[in-house]
Protein backbone atom coordinates (compact mmCIF):
# COMPACT_ATOMS: atom_id res chain seq x y z
CA MET A 1 43.06 -163.66 -20.79
CA GLN A 2 43.42 -159.97 -20.20
CA THR A 3 44.38 -158.49 -16.85
CA LEU A 4 42.87 -155.19 -15.84
CA THR A 5 44.79 -152.91 -13.54
CA ARG A 6 42.94 -150.27 -11.64
CA ARG A 7 44.61 -146.92 -11.29
CA ALA A 8 44.47 -145.52 -7.77
CA ARG A 9 42.39 -142.38 -7.37
CA SER A 10 44.37 -139.30 -6.32
CA LYS A 11 44.19 -138.61 -2.60
CA TRP A 12 43.95 -135.33 -0.76
CA VAL A 13 46.90 -135.43 1.70
CA THR A 14 46.59 -133.46 4.95
CA GLY A 15 48.99 -132.89 7.83
CA LEU A 16 52.20 -133.60 5.92
CA ARG A 17 53.73 -130.12 5.82
CA PRO A 18 53.49 -129.37 9.57
CA LYS A 19 55.01 -132.76 10.40
CA LEU A 20 57.88 -132.22 7.94
CA GLU A 21 58.46 -128.68 9.23
CA GLU A 22 58.83 -130.11 12.73
CA VAL A 23 61.40 -132.68 11.51
CA PHE A 24 63.40 -130.07 9.58
CA ARG A 25 63.25 -127.61 12.51
CA ARG A 26 65.11 -130.20 14.59
CA GLY A 27 67.90 -130.23 12.01
CA ALA A 28 67.16 -132.97 9.52
CA SER A 29 70.17 -134.43 7.80
CA ARG A 30 70.81 -137.57 5.80
CA GLY A 31 68.50 -140.47 6.66
CA THR A 32 65.08 -142.00 6.05
CA LEU A 33 61.75 -140.40 6.87
CA ILE A 34 59.44 -142.99 8.42
CA GLY A 35 55.80 -142.01 8.60
CA LYS A 36 52.32 -143.20 9.31
CA ALA A 37 49.07 -141.98 7.78
CA GLU A 38 45.41 -142.96 7.93
CA LEU A 39 43.02 -143.30 5.01
CA LYS A 40 39.95 -141.17 5.65
CA GLY A 41 37.24 -142.10 3.18
CA LEU A 42 38.02 -142.82 -0.46
CA ASP A 43 40.00 -139.73 -1.33
CA MET A 44 41.74 -138.38 1.78
CA LEU A 45 44.94 -139.38 3.58
CA GLU A 46 45.80 -137.81 6.96
CA VAL A 47 49.47 -137.94 8.00
CA ILE A 48 49.68 -138.88 11.68
CA GLU A 49 53.41 -139.00 12.35
CA VAL A 50 56.75 -138.46 10.61
CA LYS A 51 60.19 -139.03 12.08
CA LEU A 52 63.71 -139.10 10.67
CA ILE A 53 65.94 -142.11 11.20
CA PRO A 54 69.55 -140.96 10.66
CA GLY A 55 71.89 -143.06 8.55
CA ARG A 56 71.90 -144.40 5.01
CA PRO A 57 68.70 -143.36 3.21
CA GLU A 58 66.34 -146.13 2.06
CA GLY A 59 64.40 -145.82 -1.18
CA PRO A 60 60.83 -144.53 -1.24
CA SER A 61 58.14 -147.09 -0.44
CA PHE A 62 54.76 -147.43 1.19
CA GLU A 63 52.65 -150.23 2.60
CA VAL A 64 48.91 -150.25 3.18
CA SER A 65 47.40 -152.34 5.96
CA GLY A 66 43.69 -151.75 6.34
CA ARG A 67 43.27 -147.99 6.77
CA ILE A 68 46.87 -147.39 7.93
CA VAL A 69 49.59 -146.42 5.47
CA THR A 70 53.24 -146.60 6.50
CA PHE A 71 55.85 -144.99 4.30
CA LYS A 72 59.60 -144.49 3.94
CA PHE A 73 61.25 -141.67 2.04
CA PRO A 74 64.97 -140.88 1.63
CA VAL A 75 66.50 -137.59 2.73
CA GLU A 76 69.96 -136.79 1.37
CA GLU A 77 72.37 -134.29 2.91
CA GLU A 78 71.63 -130.64 2.18
CA GLU A 79 68.07 -131.33 0.98
CA THR A 80 65.58 -128.69 2.03
CA LEU A 81 61.99 -129.05 3.16
CA GLU A 82 60.83 -128.17 -0.36
CA ASP A 83 63.15 -130.80 -1.92
CA VAL A 84 61.46 -133.49 0.14
CA TYR A 85 57.88 -132.19 0.45
CA TYR A 86 56.79 -132.19 -3.19
CA PRO A 87 58.08 -135.66 -4.20
CA LEU A 88 56.74 -137.18 -0.95
CA MET A 89 53.38 -135.49 -1.48
CA GLY A 90 53.29 -136.92 -5.01
CA MET A 91 54.00 -140.42 -3.71
CA LEU A 92 51.35 -140.24 -0.99
CA ASN A 93 48.85 -138.70 -3.40
CA ARG A 94 48.92 -141.95 -5.40
CA VAL A 95 48.44 -144.37 -2.48
């Protein structure tokens, strides 16, 4: 028997950059970004909230529950907004 896996369609991600800018403006350092987003239709994801939990960074992950997506993303010391934004955007784009 053959198993078919369905590749997720790329999502348009909105609201991520302003939320990250707010976190980095407060002086982001080493820790884990915890965020929440909502699926809007088949191909759009709207980021609702992002906060930084200081401490040891946890690996990137996401969980989908209905239309709500929760995600975690590590932030190492001396990483800039750009260092975090593009890999996180790539991860969320494939939800």
